N, C-alpha and C. Protein backbone atom coordinates (compact mmCIF):
# COMPACT_ATOMS: atom_id res chain seq x y z
N UNK A 1 -52.47 67.37 104.73
CA UNK A 1 -51.70 66.21 105.18
C UNK A 1 -50.39 66.69 105.81
N UNK A 2 -50.07 66.13 106.97
CA UNK A 2 -48.86 66.55 107.69
C UNK A 2 -47.61 65.96 107.06
N UNK A 3 -46.56 66.77 107.09
CA UNK A 3 -45.27 66.28 106.61
C UNK A 3 -44.65 65.36 107.66
N UNK A 4 -43.65 64.59 107.25
CA UNK A 4 -42.94 63.73 108.19
C UNK A 4 -42.29 64.54 109.29
N UNK A 5 -41.78 65.71 108.94
CA UNK A 5 -41.12 66.58 109.92
C UNK A 5 -42.12 67.02 110.99
N UNK A 6 -43.33 67.40 110.58
CA UNK A 6 -44.36 67.82 111.53
C UNK A 6 -44.76 66.65 112.42
N UNK A 7 -44.94 65.47 111.82
CA UNK A 7 -45.31 64.27 112.59
C UNK A 7 -44.24 63.94 113.62
N UNK A 8 -42.98 63.98 113.21
CA UNK A 8 -41.88 63.70 114.13
C UNK A 8 -41.83 64.74 115.24
N UNK A 9 -42.08 66.00 114.88
CA UNK A 9 -42.10 67.06 115.88
C UNK A 9 -43.16 66.82 116.93
N UNK A 10 -44.34 66.42 116.50
CA UNK A 10 -45.44 66.14 117.44
C UNK A 10 -45.09 64.96 118.34
N UNK A 11 -44.45 63.95 117.77
CA UNK A 11 -44.04 62.78 118.57
C UNK A 11 -43.02 63.22 119.61
N UNK A 12 -42.02 64.01 119.19
CA UNK A 12 -41.01 64.50 120.12
C UNK A 12 -41.61 65.33 121.23
N UNK A 13 -42.57 66.18 120.90
CA UNK A 13 -43.22 67.02 121.90
C UNK A 13 -44.04 66.19 122.88
N UNK A 14 -44.68 65.15 122.40
CA UNK A 14 -45.45 64.28 123.30
C UNK A 14 -44.52 63.53 124.25
N UNK A 15 -43.40 63.05 123.74
CA UNK A 15 -42.41 62.38 124.60
C UNK A 15 -41.91 63.35 125.66
N UNK A 16 -41.62 64.58 125.25
CA UNK A 16 -41.13 65.60 126.18
C UNK A 16 -42.20 65.94 127.22
N UNK A 17 -43.43 66.07 126.79
CA UNK A 17 -44.54 66.38 127.71
C UNK A 17 -44.66 65.31 128.79
N UNK A 18 -44.64 64.06 128.37
CA UNK A 18 -44.74 62.96 129.34
C UNK A 18 -43.54 62.93 130.28
N UNK A 19 -42.37 63.22 129.73
CA UNK A 19 -41.15 63.26 130.53
C UNK A 19 -41.25 64.34 131.60
N UNK A 20 -41.68 65.53 131.21
CA UNK A 20 -41.83 66.62 132.18
C UNK A 20 -42.86 66.29 133.25
N UNK A 21 -43.96 65.68 132.86
CA UNK A 21 -44.96 65.25 133.83
C UNK A 21 -44.36 64.27 134.84
N UNK A 22 -43.52 63.37 134.35
CA UNK A 22 -42.89 62.39 135.25
C UNK A 22 -41.95 63.05 136.25
N UNK A 23 -41.47 64.25 135.92
CA UNK A 23 -40.59 65.00 136.83
C UNK A 23 -41.38 65.91 137.76
N UNK A 24 -42.69 65.88 137.64
CA UNK A 24 -43.53 66.68 138.52
C UNK A 24 -43.94 68.04 137.98
N UNK A 25 -43.60 68.31 136.72
CA UNK A 25 -44.01 69.58 136.11
C UNK A 25 -45.51 69.54 135.84
N UNK A 26 -46.14 70.69 135.89
CA UNK A 26 -47.53 70.84 135.50
C UNK A 26 -47.54 71.50 134.13
N UNK A 27 -48.12 70.85 133.14
CA UNK A 27 -48.17 71.41 131.79
C UNK A 27 -49.31 72.42 131.73
N UNK A 28 -48.97 73.64 131.34
CA UNK A 28 -49.98 74.69 131.22
C UNK A 28 -50.54 74.70 129.81
N UNK A 29 -49.64 74.72 128.83
CA UNK A 29 -50.09 74.71 127.43
C UNK A 29 -48.96 74.19 126.55
N UNK A 30 -49.34 73.78 125.36
CA UNK A 30 -48.35 73.36 124.37
C UNK A 30 -48.57 74.18 123.11
N UNK A 31 -47.50 74.35 122.36
CA UNK A 31 -47.54 75.05 121.08
C UNK A 31 -48.20 76.43 121.18
N UNK A 32 -47.70 77.23 122.11
CA UNK A 32 -48.18 78.61 122.25
C UNK A 32 -47.60 79.43 121.11
N UNK A 33 -48.48 79.92 120.23
CA UNK A 33 -48.03 80.60 119.02
C UNK A 33 -48.38 82.08 119.06
N UNK A 34 -47.44 82.87 118.54
CA UNK A 34 -47.68 84.30 118.34
C UNK A 34 -47.17 84.64 116.94
N UNK A 35 -47.29 85.90 116.56
CA UNK A 35 -46.78 86.34 115.25
C UNK A 35 -45.26 86.18 115.16
N UNK A 36 -44.59 86.29 116.31
CA UNK A 36 -43.12 86.26 116.27
C UNK A 36 -42.51 84.89 116.50
N UNK A 37 -43.32 83.93 116.94
CA UNK A 37 -42.75 82.60 117.16
C UNK A 37 -43.63 81.74 118.05
N UNK A 38 -43.06 80.62 118.46
CA UNK A 38 -43.81 79.61 119.21
C UNK A 38 -42.94 79.08 120.35
N UNK A 39 -43.62 78.70 121.42
CA UNK A 39 -42.97 77.96 122.50
C UNK A 39 -43.62 76.59 122.53
N UNK A 40 -42.79 75.55 122.51
CA UNK A 40 -43.33 74.18 122.44
C UNK A 40 -44.15 73.82 123.66
N UNK A 41 -43.61 74.06 124.85
CA UNK A 41 -44.31 73.70 126.09
C UNK A 41 -44.11 74.81 127.11
N UNK A 42 -45.21 75.20 127.74
CA UNK A 42 -45.15 76.09 128.89
C UNK A 42 -45.65 75.29 130.08
N UNK A 43 -44.83 75.26 131.13
CA UNK A 43 -45.14 74.44 132.29
C UNK A 43 -44.85 75.21 133.57
N UNK A 44 -45.27 74.62 134.67
CA UNK A 44 -44.89 75.15 135.97
C UNK A 44 -44.14 74.06 136.72
N UNK A 45 -43.08 74.47 137.37
CA UNK A 45 -42.30 73.59 138.25
C UNK A 45 -42.22 74.32 139.57
N UNK A 46 -43.02 73.87 140.52
CA UNK A 46 -43.21 74.58 141.78
C UNK A 46 -43.73 75.98 141.46
N UNK A 47 -43.00 77.03 141.81
CA UNK A 47 -43.47 78.39 141.55
C UNK A 47 -42.96 78.97 140.24
N UNK A 48 -42.07 78.26 139.57
CA UNK A 48 -41.45 78.77 138.34
C UNK A 48 -42.28 78.45 137.10
N UNK A 49 -42.40 79.45 136.25
CA UNK A 49 -42.92 79.19 134.90
C UNK A 49 -41.73 78.75 134.06
N UNK A 50 -41.91 77.65 133.33
CA UNK A 50 -40.83 77.08 132.55
C UNK A 50 -41.24 77.06 131.08
N UNK A 51 -40.38 77.68 130.27
CA UNK A 51 -40.62 77.75 128.83
C UNK A 51 -39.66 76.76 128.18
N UNK A 52 -40.25 75.76 127.53
CA UNK A 52 -39.47 74.60 127.07
C UNK A 52 -39.44 74.51 125.56
N UNK A 53 -38.23 74.39 125.04
CA UNK A 53 -38.02 74.11 123.62
C UNK A 53 -37.72 72.62 123.51
N UNK A 54 -38.43 71.93 122.63
CA UNK A 54 -38.22 70.50 122.42
C UNK A 54 -37.43 70.31 121.14
N UNK A 55 -36.37 69.54 121.22
CA UNK A 55 -35.55 69.24 120.05
C UNK A 55 -35.32 67.74 119.98
N UNK A 56 -35.59 67.18 118.82
CA UNK A 56 -35.39 65.75 118.62
C UNK A 56 -34.43 65.56 117.45
N UNK A 57 -33.51 64.63 117.62
CA UNK A 57 -32.56 64.30 116.55
C UNK A 57 -32.45 62.78 116.45
N UNK A 58 -32.54 62.31 115.24
CA UNK A 58 -32.37 60.88 114.98
C UNK A 58 -30.89 60.51 114.97
N UNK A 59 -30.07 61.35 114.37
CA UNK A 59 -28.67 61.01 114.15
C UNK A 59 -27.75 62.08 114.75
N UNK A 60 -27.33 61.86 116.00
CA UNK A 60 -26.49 62.87 116.66
C UNK A 60 -25.08 62.89 116.10
N UNK A 61 -24.62 61.78 115.54
CA UNK A 61 -23.29 61.76 114.93
C UNK A 61 -23.23 62.69 113.72
N UNK A 62 -24.31 62.72 112.97
CA UNK A 62 -24.36 63.54 111.77
C UNK A 62 -24.74 64.99 112.07
N UNK A 63 -25.72 65.18 112.97
CA UNK A 63 -26.29 66.50 113.18
C UNK A 63 -25.93 67.14 114.52
N UNK A 64 -25.30 66.43 115.42
CA UNK A 64 -24.97 66.98 116.73
C UNK A 64 -26.14 66.84 117.70
N UNK A 65 -25.91 67.27 118.92
CA UNK A 65 -26.95 67.17 119.94
C UNK A 65 -28.08 68.15 119.64
N UNK A 66 -29.30 67.77 119.98
CA UNK A 66 -30.43 68.63 119.67
C UNK A 66 -30.32 70.04 120.24
N UNK A 67 -29.83 70.17 121.47
CA UNK A 67 -29.75 71.49 122.11
C UNK A 67 -28.85 72.45 121.33
N UNK A 68 -27.93 71.90 120.56
CA UNK A 68 -27.04 72.76 119.77
C UNK A 68 -27.80 73.55 118.71
N UNK A 69 -29.02 73.11 118.40
CA UNK A 69 -29.84 73.81 117.41
C UNK A 69 -30.55 75.03 118.01
N UNK A 70 -30.45 75.19 119.32
CA UNK A 70 -31.07 76.35 119.97
C UNK A 70 -30.04 77.48 119.96
N UNK A 71 -30.06 78.23 118.87
CA UNK A 71 -29.10 79.29 118.64
C UNK A 71 -29.46 80.54 119.47
N UNK A 72 -28.56 81.50 119.47
CA UNK A 72 -28.82 82.77 120.16
C UNK A 72 -30.08 83.44 119.60
N UNK A 73 -30.25 83.38 118.30
CA UNK A 73 -31.45 83.97 117.67
C UNK A 73 -32.71 83.25 118.14
N UNK A 74 -32.66 81.92 118.21
CA UNK A 74 -33.81 81.14 118.67
C UNK A 74 -34.10 81.45 120.13
N UNK A 75 -33.06 81.56 120.96
CA UNK A 75 -33.25 81.88 122.38
C UNK A 75 -33.92 83.24 122.54
N UNK A 76 -33.48 84.22 121.75
CA UNK A 76 -34.07 85.55 121.83
C UNK A 76 -35.55 85.51 121.45
N UNK A 77 -35.87 84.75 120.43
CA UNK A 77 -37.27 84.62 120.00
C UNK A 77 -38.11 83.98 121.11
N UNK A 78 -37.59 82.92 121.73
CA UNK A 78 -38.31 82.25 122.81
C UNK A 78 -38.53 83.20 123.99
N UNK A 79 -37.52 83.97 124.33
CA UNK A 79 -37.65 84.94 125.41
C UNK A 79 -38.75 85.96 125.10
N UNK A 80 -38.78 86.45 123.87
CA UNK A 80 -39.80 87.43 123.49
C UNK A 80 -41.20 86.83 123.50
N UNK A 81 -41.33 85.60 123.05
CA UNK A 81 -42.64 84.93 123.08
C UNK A 81 -43.06 84.68 124.52
N UNK A 82 -42.11 84.32 125.38
CA UNK A 82 -42.41 84.12 126.80
C UNK A 82 -42.95 85.40 127.43
N UNK A 83 -42.33 86.51 127.12
CA UNK A 83 -42.80 87.80 127.65
C UNK A 83 -44.22 88.11 127.16
N UNK A 84 -44.48 87.79 125.89
CA UNK A 84 -45.84 87.99 125.37
C UNK A 84 -46.85 87.09 126.10
N UNK A 85 -46.44 85.87 126.40
CA UNK A 85 -47.33 84.96 127.13
C UNK A 85 -47.64 85.53 128.51
N UNK A 86 -46.61 85.97 129.24
CA UNK A 86 -46.82 86.52 130.57
C UNK A 86 -47.73 87.74 130.53
N UNK A 87 -47.52 88.57 129.52
CA UNK A 87 -48.35 89.77 129.35
C UNK A 87 -49.80 89.38 129.05
N UNK A 88 -49.98 88.43 128.14
CA UNK A 88 -51.32 87.98 127.75
C UNK A 88 -52.08 87.43 128.96
N UNK A 89 -51.37 86.71 129.83
CA UNK A 89 -51.99 86.09 130.99
C UNK A 89 -52.07 87.03 132.19
N UNK A 90 -51.52 88.25 132.04
CA UNK A 90 -51.55 89.22 133.13
C UNK A 90 -50.72 88.80 134.33
N UNK A 91 -49.61 88.12 134.08
CA UNK A 91 -48.81 87.56 135.18
C UNK A 91 -47.74 88.51 135.70
N UNK A 92 -47.38 89.52 134.95
CA UNK A 92 -46.34 90.43 135.43
C UNK A 92 -45.01 89.71 135.61
N UNK A 93 -44.29 90.11 136.64
CA UNK A 93 -42.98 89.48 136.90
C UNK A 93 -43.17 88.25 137.76
N UNK A 94 -42.80 87.12 137.22
CA UNK A 94 -42.89 85.84 137.94
C UNK A 94 -41.56 85.12 137.79
N UNK A 95 -41.24 84.20 138.71
CA UNK A 95 -40.02 83.42 138.51
C UNK A 95 -40.18 82.56 137.26
N UNK A 96 -39.18 82.61 136.40
CA UNK A 96 -39.27 81.82 135.18
C UNK A 96 -37.89 81.34 134.77
N UNK A 97 -37.90 80.31 133.95
CA UNK A 97 -36.64 79.81 133.40
C UNK A 97 -36.93 79.18 132.04
N UNK A 98 -35.83 78.95 131.32
CA UNK A 98 -35.91 78.41 129.97
C UNK A 98 -35.14 77.10 129.93
N UNK A 99 -35.76 76.08 129.35
CA UNK A 99 -35.15 74.76 129.32
C UNK A 99 -35.32 74.13 127.95
N UNK A 100 -34.49 73.13 127.71
CA UNK A 100 -34.59 72.35 126.48
C UNK A 100 -34.77 70.90 126.87
N UNK A 101 -35.68 70.22 126.20
CA UNK A 101 -35.79 68.77 126.32
C UNK A 101 -35.26 68.18 125.02
N UNK A 102 -34.20 67.40 125.16
CA UNK A 102 -33.63 66.69 124.01
C UNK A 102 -34.24 65.30 123.94
N UNK A 103 -34.74 64.95 122.78
CA UNK A 103 -35.29 63.61 122.55
C UNK A 103 -34.36 62.93 121.56
N UNK A 104 -33.80 61.80 122.00
CA UNK A 104 -32.85 61.04 121.17
C UNK A 104 -33.41 59.63 120.99
N UNK A 105 -34.31 59.45 120.01
CA UNK A 105 -35.01 58.17 119.87
C UNK A 105 -34.10 56.97 119.62
N UNK A 106 -33.07 57.14 118.80
CA UNK A 106 -32.19 56.00 118.50
C UNK A 106 -31.44 55.52 119.74
N UNK A 107 -31.17 56.45 120.65
CA UNK A 107 -30.47 56.10 121.90
C UNK A 107 -31.44 55.77 123.02
N UNK A 108 -32.73 55.98 122.76
CA UNK A 108 -33.74 55.74 123.79
C UNK A 108 -33.59 56.67 124.97
N UNK A 109 -33.18 57.92 124.71
CA UNK A 109 -32.93 58.86 125.80
C UNK A 109 -33.76 60.12 125.64
N UNK A 110 -34.11 60.67 126.79
CA UNK A 110 -34.72 62.00 126.86
C UNK A 110 -33.93 62.73 127.93
N UNK A 111 -33.52 63.94 127.63
CA UNK A 111 -32.66 64.67 128.56
C UNK A 111 -33.17 66.09 128.72
N UNK A 112 -33.23 66.54 129.98
CA UNK A 112 -33.63 67.90 130.29
C UNK A 112 -32.40 68.73 130.53
N UNK A 113 -32.33 69.86 129.87
CA UNK A 113 -31.25 70.81 130.10
C UNK A 113 -31.88 72.03 130.73
N UNK A 114 -31.60 72.21 132.01
CA UNK A 114 -32.21 73.29 132.79
C UNK A 114 -31.47 74.61 132.57
N UNK A 115 -32.21 75.68 132.72
CA UNK A 115 -31.65 77.04 132.66
C UNK A 115 -30.68 77.19 131.50
N UNK A 116 -31.14 76.85 130.31
CA UNK A 116 -30.24 76.88 129.15
C UNK A 116 -29.86 78.29 128.76
N UNK A 117 -30.67 79.27 129.12
CA UNK A 117 -30.32 80.66 128.83
C UNK A 117 -31.08 81.57 129.76
């Protein structure tokens, strides 16, 4: 049985996926997992591979903006997982970027933060 946190995470990721599609992104895969970590969404935007971290917060007054939870350690992990993905797919050096989708359900907002790191 899934925890509430897992259920909310899946809801946030689905909202983010639909949002990215509405911006013209092509979703390649979701929840790409390796031994060292996971990337929520891997997409393409024109020629760029985009590695997306999804963060959802119910209460920004109490917890701050979702993107603030993407620490230097988390960014490093995402970068390493992205490199593993590129290697696994045999893509070599391709244009890529890292983004965060913030989902703020109480405010009814979804926000894309491009080139976060």
